[in-house]
Amino acid sequence: MVAKTFDHEKQFDLAEKFQELVDNLKPFDYETISDATVLQIVSIILSKECKRQVILGLDKNDFVNTWDKAKDSIERTVEYFKNYYRIPVSQLLPYNALIAPFSYFFFYHPDKPTGDKQRFLEDFFWRCSLSGRYSSAVESKLAQDVKRIDQILAGELPSYDWSIDTSDEFIKNNGWFSAARSYIKAILCIYAYLQPKSFNDNSIVNISNYWLKQANSKNYHHFFPKAHLRKQNYGEFRINHILNITIVDDFLNKREIKAKAPSKYMAKFRDVNPNLEATMKTHLIEDLDTFGIWNDDYDKFFDERAKVVSRELSKRVIKQDIDKQGQSSIVDDFEEELTTVE
């Protein structure tokens, strides 16, 4: 496509244009967007399709003439993800492919969405993120979803052929923590939305793209330390679960915590952080007394945090009839995604 779209007279070099876009996204911490995603976006805008043969068949002049507005729509999408959904870095996005339908939206609707459009877009975002939507057949699914974006542009709520379960039980049963899983990234986006604060001084956590690639990164902390739970004979699924993860900004908390029980290390943070109760609310740990922390009750903590996460997810999804008809489609997508991760 670089060769095909090169135009000396118009000074258009796609390789340079892409690098320009990446440079523009660096201050937003969204520079990890791929060249493939960008090609899909332009193709969807021009043809509502983005399969390889469709991209390669795009008209050169159409591509060149659309580029500036397409680039603007990508930048508007990034700004929207960062400011409205408060997703601070691109590494937290459940799928890079989510940038494509939103860029299509902003191509035809340059202003920030309000009212129903805002609610319908948010519902679309979380339905895709929580369902493993783009774990396979991405090009075909993007073509289907562009039609849904057209409905949102017209102020209509799209119908969906996959269901969503935001219940605490579903979260408990499907929350195996892997930094590569879209479902886990979606819940991490919820954690990030609350702008989590540091346990020891209530400062805002710095979340970095380059700290989020692996489950053992600097930003991820098991609130009930793994070593502590293993001594209590908990299984790995229960230990390494998204409900046991908090987002921290450096090694400070880990140095202080190590394998200590929460009642021990939280007592130390309570002594140095007078705002500890407010701090923990930014981690969806709403009450230190009722979450089982002072008596090291992991089962209580697990159940209470599941309820809070469920509540936050439910706020973002508009329930439809299909959501009452079972979860087989979600489970199938999860199994496929987990196989890919493994």
Protein backbone atom coordinates (compact mmCIF):
# COMPACT_ATOMS: atom_id res chain seq x y z
CA MET A 1 0.00 0.00 0.00
CA VAL A 2 2.97 2.30 0.58
CA ALA A 3 4.09 1.63 -3.00
CA LYS A 4 0.61 1.82 -4.46
CA THR A 5 -0.37 5.12 -2.83
CA PHE A 6 2.94 6.95 -3.28
CA ASP A 7 2.35 10.26 -5.06
CA HIS A 8 5.26 12.59 -5.72
CA GLU A 9 3.13 15.54 -6.87
CA LYS A 10 0.90 15.41 -3.82
CA GLN A 11 3.92 14.64 -1.61
CA PHE A 12 2.14 11.59 -0.24
CA ASP A 13 4.26 8.84 1.26
CA LEU A 14 2.16 6.48 3.38
CA ALA A 15 5.14 5.32 5.45
CA GLU A 16 5.88 8.93 6.40
CA LYS A 17 2.20 9.69 7.00
CA PHE A 18 1.86 6.70 9.32
CA GLN A 19 4.95 7.72 11.29
CA GLU A 20 3.51 11.23 11.53
CA LEU A 21 0.33 9.79 13.01
CA VAL A 22 2.27 7.66 15.51
CA ASP A 23 4.29 10.71 16.55
CA ASN A 24 1.06 12.65 17.09
CA LEU A 25 -0.29 9.83 19.30
CA LYS A 26 2.84 9.51 21.47
CA PRO A 27 1.88 12.38 23.82
CA PHE A 28 -1.43 10.53 24.38
CA ASP A 29 0.38 7.20 25.07
CA TYR A 30 -1.45 5.60 22.16
CA GLU A 31 1.52 5.07 19.87
CA THR A 32 1.10 1.27 19.80
CA ILE A 33 -1.65 1.45 17.14
CA SER A 34 -0.60 -0.84 14.29
CA ASP A 35 -0.21 -0.03 10.61
CA ALA A 36 -2.69 -2.84 9.85
CA THR A 37 -5.35 -1.16 12.00
CA VAL A 38 -4.80 2.13 10.19
CA LEU A 39 -5.25 0.45 6.80
CA GLN A 40 -8.42 -1.22 8.07
CA ILE A 41 -9.78 2.15 9.17
CA VAL A 42 -9.23 3.82 5.80
CA SER A 43 -10.70 0.80 4.02
CA ILE A 44 -13.80 0.76 6.25
CA ILE A 45 -14.34 4.46 5.64
CA LEU A 46 -14.06 4.03 1.88
CA SER A 47 -15.81 0.70 1.39
CA LYS A 48 -17.26 -0.53 4.72
CA GLU A 49 -15.02 -3.58 4.29
CA CYS A 50 -11.46 -4.23 5.41
CA LYS A 51 -10.39 -7.64 4.15
CA ARG A 52 -6.91 -7.84 2.69
CA GLN A 53 -8.07 -8.05 -0.93
CA VAL A 54 -10.40 -5.07 -0.40
CA ILE A 55 -7.58 -2.97 1.07
CA LEU A 56 -5.26 -3.85 -1.80
CA GLY A 57 -8.00 -2.95 -4.28
CA LEU A 58 -8.65 0.54 -2.91
CA ASP A 59 -8.37 3.38 -5.42
CA LYS A 60 -5.14 5.32 -4.94
CA ASN A 61 -6.71 8.78 -5.32
CA ASP A 62 -9.55 7.92 -2.97
CA PHE A 63 -7.05 6.72 -0.37
CA VAL A 64 -4.82 9.81 -0.68
CA ASN A 65 -7.75 12.23 -0.64
CA THR A 66 -9.30 10.56 2.42
CA TRP A 67 -6.14 10.28 4.45
CA ASP A 68 -6.18 13.63 6.29
CA LYS A 69 -9.77 13.29 7.45
CA ALA A 70 -9.22 9.62 8.36
CA LYS A 71 -6.14 10.57 10.39
CA ASP A 72 -8.19 13.24 12.15
CA SER A 73 -10.88 10.68 12.99
CA ILE A 74 -8.27 8.35 14.51
CA GLU A 75 -6.91 11.18 16.66
CA ARG A 76 -10.45 12.08 17.77
CA THR A 77 -11.05 8.44 18.71
CA VAL A 78 -7.89 8.33 20.81
CA GLU A 79 -8.84 11.57 22.53
CA TYR A 80 -12.31 10.14 23.24
CA PHE A 81 -10.96 6.86 24.63
CA LYS A 82 -8.50 8.71 26.82
CA ASN A 83 -10.80 11.44 28.10
CA TYR A 84 -14.30 9.95 28.18
CA TYR A 85 -13.53 6.28 28.93
CA ARG A 86 -10.37 7.32 30.81
CA ILE A 87 -8.30 4.60 29.19
CA PRO A 88 -4.88 6.17 29.81
CA VAL A 89 -2.76 4.07 27.43
CA SER A 90 -3.36 2.02 24.30
CA GLN A 91 -1.95 -1.15 25.88
CA LEU A 92 -5.08 -1.31 28.05
CA LEU A 93 -7.46 -1.33 25.08
CA PRO A 94 -9.18 -4.71 24.93
CA TYR A 95 -8.58 -4.66 21.16
CA ASN A 96 -6.69 -2.29 18.87
CA ALA A 97 -9.46 -3.09 16.39
CA LEU A 98 -11.89 -1.04 18.51
CA ILE A 99 -10.24 2.07 17.11
CA ALA A 100 -11.65 1.18 13.66
CA PRO A 101 -15.43 1.44 14.25
CA PHE A 102 -14.96 4.51 16.44
CA SER A 103 -12.81 6.20 13.80
CA TYR A 104 -15.57 5.46 11.28
CA PHE A 105 -18.01 7.14 13.68
CA PHE A 106 -15.83 10.25 14.09
CA PHE A 107 -15.20 10.44 10.35
CA TYR A 108 -18.91 11.10 9.88
CA HIS A 109 -19.52 12.75 13.26
CA PRO A 110 -16.52 14.98 14.11
CA ASP A 111 -18.13 16.32 17.30
CA LYS A 112 -18.18 14.47 20.60
CA PRO A 113 -21.30 12.31 20.84
CA THR A 114 -23.96 13.27 23.36
CA GLY A 115 -27.26 11.85 24.56
CA ASP A 116 -28.33 8.57 22.95
CA LYS A 117 -25.33 8.43 20.61
CA GLN A 118 -23.01 8.59 23.60
CA ARG A 119 -24.91 5.84 25.46
CA PHE A 120 -25.18 3.60 22.39
CA LEU A 121 -21.46 3.96 21.63
CA GLU A 122 -20.55 3.13 25.22
CA ASP A 123 -22.80 0.05 25.08
CA PHE A 124 -21.10 -0.98 21.80
CA PHE A 125 -17.61 -0.52 23.27
CA TRP A 126 -18.29 -2.70 26.31
CA ARG A 127 -20.20 -5.36 24.38
CA CYS A 128 -17.20 -5.82 22.10
CA SER A 129 -14.71 -5.68 24.96
CA LEU A 130 -16.46 -8.08 27.33
CA SER A 131 -17.45 -10.68 24.74
CA GLY A 132 -14.16 -11.56 23.03
CA ARG A 133 -15.70 -10.01 19.92
CA TYR A 134 -12.50 -9.46 17.94
CA SER A 135 -10.63 -12.60 19.02
CA SER A 136 -11.26 -14.11 15.56
CA ALA A 137 -12.53 -13.15 12.07
CA VAL A 138 -11.78 -9.51 12.82
CA GLU A 139 -12.30 -8.20 9.27
CA SER A 140 -15.73 -9.82 8.90
CA LYS A 141 -16.86 -8.64 12.32
CA LEU A 142 -15.69 -5.07 11.67
CA ALA A 143 -17.76 -5.03 8.47
CA GLN A 144 -20.79 -6.17 10.48
CA ASP A 145 -20.14 -3.63 13.22
CA VAL A 146 -19.84 -0.70 10.81
CA LYS A 147 -23.53 -1.27 10.08
CA ARG A 148 -24.17 -0.97 13.80
CA ILE A 149 -22.20 2.29 13.88
CA ASP A 150 -24.40 3.54 11.03
CA GLN A 151 -27.40 2.84 13.26
CA ILE A 152 -25.81 4.75 16.14
CA LEU A 153 -25.07 7.66 13.79
CA ALA A 154 -28.79 7.63 12.99
CA GLY A 155 -29.61 7.71 16.71
CA GLU A 156 -30.77 4.08 16.84
CA LEU A 157 -29.80 1.38 19.34
CA PRO A 158 -28.29 -1.56 17.41
CA SER A 159 -29.34 -5.13 18.07
CA TYR A 160 -26.66 -7.71 18.82
CA ASP A 161 -26.33 -11.42 18.13
CA TRP A 162 -24.12 -12.07 21.15
CA SER A 163 -25.02 -11.81 24.81
CA ILE A 164 -23.32 -10.10 27.73
CA ASP A 165 -23.28 -11.23 31.35
CA THR A 166 -22.15 -8.61 33.86
CA SER A 167 -23.08 -10.68 36.93
CA ASP A 168 -20.66 -11.18 39.80
CA GLU A 169 -20.85 -14.96 39.28
CA PHE A 170 -19.76 -14.66 35.65
CA ILE A 171 -16.83 -12.46 36.69
CA LYS A 172 -15.81 -15.01 39.33
CA ASN A 173 -15.96 -17.89 36.87
CA ASN A 174 -14.17 -16.15 33.97
CA GLY A 175 -11.67 -13.86 35.69
CA TRP A 176 -8.42 -15.80 35.22
CA PHE A 177 -5.85 -13.01 35.06
CA SER A 178 -3.88 -12.78 31.83
CA ALA A 179 -2.75 -9.40 30.53
CA ALA A 180 -3.46 -10.60 26.97
CA ARG A 181 -7.17 -11.38 27.47
CA SER A 182 -9.66 -8.80 26.21
CA TYR A 183 -12.12 -9.58 29.02
CA ILE A 184 -9.42 -8.90 31.61
CA LYS A 185 -8.33 -5.73 29.82
CA ALA A 186 -11.94 -4.54 29.87
CA ILE A 187 -12.06 -4.89 33.65
CA LEU A 188 -8.63 -3.24 33.91
CA CYS A 189 -10.15 -0.33 31.96
CA ILE A 190 -12.77 -0.08 34.72
CA TYR A 191 -9.98 -0.02 37.31
CA ALA A 192 -8.15 2.67 35.33
CA TYR A 193 -11.34 4.73 34.90
CA LEU A 194 -11.35 5.43 38.63
CA GLN A 195 -7.82 6.85 38.37
CA PRO A 196 -6.37 4.59 41.10
CA LYS A 197 -4.28 6.21 43.80
CA SER A 198 -1.11 5.00 45.48
CA PHE A 199 -1.70 3.14 48.76
CA ASN A 200 0.97 5.03 50.65
CA ASP A 201 0.43 8.69 49.71
CA ASN A 202 -2.82 8.92 47.66
CA SER A 203 -0.97 10.17 44.56
CA ILE A 204 -2.36 9.23 41.13
CA VAL A 205 -0.88 6.01 39.77
CA ASN A 206 1.24 6.40 36.64
CA ILE A 207 0.15 3.76 34.12
CA SER A 208 2.62 3.06 31.32
CA ASN A 209 2.24 1.20 28.01
CA TYR A 210 5.58 -0.45 28.60
CA TRP A 211 4.60 -1.75 32.05
CA LEU A 212 1.42 -3.46 30.87
CA LYS A 213 2.58 -6.15 28.46
CA GLN A 214 2.86 -9.00 30.96
CA ALA A 215 0.90 -10.19 33.96
CA ASN A 216 3.97 -9.67 36.19
CA SER A 217 4.43 -6.02 35.15
CA LYS A 218 5.08 -3.15 37.52
CA ASN A 219 1.49 -1.92 37.33
CA TYR A 220 -0.19 -5.14 38.51
CA HIS A 221 -0.35 -6.12 42.16
CA HIS A 222 -2.13 -9.04 43.84
CA PHE A 223 -3.94 -7.41 46.77
CA PHE A 224 -3.84 -10.69 48.69
CA PRO A 225 -0.24 -11.71 47.88
CA LYS A 226 0.15 -14.98 46.02
CA ALA A 227 2.55 -16.43 48.57
CA HIS A 228 0.14 -15.63 51.39
CA LEU A 229 -2.79 -17.31 49.62
CA ARG A 230 -0.76 -20.38 48.69
CA LYS A 231 -0.05 -20.88 52.38
CA GLN A 232 -3.84 -20.90 52.85
CA ASN A 233 -4.11 -23.65 50.19
CA TYR A 234 -6.00 -21.57 47.61
CA GLY A 235 -5.81 -22.81 44.01
CA GLU A 236 -4.04 -20.83 41.28
CA PHE A 237 -7.28 -19.84 39.51
CA ARG A 238 -8.59 -18.22 42.67
CA ILE A 239 -5.24 -16.61 43.48
CA ASN A 240 -4.41 -15.26 40.03
CA HIS A 241 -7.81 -13.67 39.45
CA ILE A 242 -8.73 -10.20 38.19
CA LEU A 243 -10.68 -9.63 41.43
CA ASN A 244 -7.38 -9.92 43.31
CA ILE A 245 -5.58 -7.41 41.07
CA THR A 246 -5.01 -3.75 41.84
CA ILE A 247 -3.11 -1.23 39.72
CA VAL A 248 -0.03 0.30 41.35
CA ASP A 249 2.62 2.57 39.90
CA ASP A 250 5.99 1.19 40.98
CA PHE A 251 7.73 -1.33 43.22
CA LEU A 252 7.09 0.63 46.43
CA ASN A 253 3.94 -1.20 47.41
CA LYS A 254 5.44 -4.54 46.42
CA ARG A 255 8.56 -3.87 48.51
CA GLU A 256 6.38 -3.00 51.48
CA ILE A 257 3.97 -5.89 50.99
CA LYS A 258 5.93 -8.94 49.80
CA ALA A 259 4.06 -11.97 51.22
CA LYS A 260 2.44 -10.15 54.13
CA ALA A 261 -1.24 -10.60 54.93
CA PRO A 262 -3.40 -7.58 53.96
CA SER A 263 -4.21 -6.83 57.61
CA LYS A 264 -0.49 -6.36 58.25
CA TYR A 265 0.53 -4.22 55.29
CA MET A 266 -2.70 -2.19 55.16
CA ALA A 267 -2.23 -1.24 58.83
CA LYS A 268 1.14 0.22 57.86
CA PHE A 269 -0.39 2.21 54.99
CA ARG A 270 -3.14 3.44 57.30
CA ASP A 271 -0.47 4.97 59.52
CA VAL A 272 1.11 6.97 56.67
CA ASN A 273 -1.95 7.72 54.51
CA PRO A 274 -4.76 9.56 56.34
CA ASN A 275 -6.90 9.25 53.20
CA LEU A 276 -6.58 5.46 52.94
CA GLU A 277 -10.34 4.79 52.85
CA ALA A 278 -10.74 7.22 49.92
CA THR A 279 -7.63 5.77 48.27
CA MET A 280 -9.04 2.25 48.34
CA LYS A 281 -12.34 3.35 46.81
CA THR A 282 -10.34 4.24 43.68
CA HIS A 283 -9.41 0.52 43.54
CA LEU A 284 -13.05 -0.61 43.88
CA ILE A 285 -12.35 -1.65 47.45
CA GLU A 286 -15.15 0.32 49.03
CA ASP A 287 -14.98 -0.53 52.71
CA LEU A 288 -11.92 -1.85 54.50
CA ASP A 289 -14.11 -3.18 57.31
CA THR A 290 -16.68 -5.10 55.25
CA PHE A 291 -14.27 -6.39 52.58
CA GLY A 292 -12.62 -8.83 54.98
CA ILE A 293 -9.29 -7.03 54.97
CA TRP A 294 -8.63 -6.61 58.69
CA ASN A 295 -9.24 -10.29 59.36
CA ASP A 296 -7.59 -11.51 56.11
CA ASP A 297 -10.79 -13.07 54.79
CA TYR A 298 -10.04 -13.59 51.09
CA ASP A 299 -13.38 -15.24 50.34
CA LYS A 300 -15.19 -12.18 51.68
CA PHE A 301 -12.92 -9.84 49.74
CA PHE A 302 -13.39 -11.87 46.55
CA ASP A 303 -17.20 -11.84 46.83
CA GLU A 304 -17.50 -8.15 47.77
CA ARG A 305 -15.18 -6.94 45.03
CA ALA A 306 -17.05 -9.06 42.47
CA LYS A 307 -20.27 -7.24 43.39
CA VAL A 308 -18.65 -3.82 42.91
CA VAL A 309 -17.04 -4.74 39.57
CA SER A 310 -20.36 -6.20 38.41
CA ARG A 311 -22.12 -2.98 39.30
CA GLU A 312 -19.60 -0.89 37.35
CA LEU A 313 -19.90 -3.11 34.26
CA SER A 314 -23.70 -3.07 34.42
CA LYS A 315 -23.70 0.74 34.31
CA ARG A 316 -22.05 0.64 30.91
CA VAL A 317 -24.21 -1.90 29.10
CA ILE A 318 -27.79 -1.42 27.88
CA LYS A 319 -29.43 -4.78 28.63
CA GLN A 320 -31.30 -6.40 25.73
CA ASP A 321 -33.42 -9.54 25.44
CA ILE A 322 -30.48 -11.57 24.13
CA ASP A 323 -28.63 -11.02 27.42
CA LYS A 324 -31.25 -13.15 29.19
CA GLN A 325 -30.84 -16.09 26.81
CA GLY A 326 -27.60 -17.62 28.04
CA GLN A 327 -23.90 -17.06 27.66
CA SER A 328 -22.71 -19.78 25.28
CA SER A 329 -21.42 -17.32 22.66
CA ILE A 330 -19.30 -15.50 25.22
CA VAL A 331 -17.86 -18.69 26.67
CA ASP A 332 -17.00 -19.96 23.17
CA ASP A 333 -15.14 -16.73 22.36
CA PHE A 334 -13.32 -16.87 25.71
CA GLU A 335 -12.17 -20.42 25.09
CA GLU A 336 -10.87 -19.45 21.65
CA GLU A 337 -9.11 -16.42 23.06
CA LEU A 338 -7.52 -18.40 25.91
CA THR A 339 -6.27 -20.96 23.42
CA THR A 340 -4.66 -18.14 21.43
CA VAL A 341 -3.06 -16.70 24.58
CA GLU A 342 -1.68 -20.07 25.60
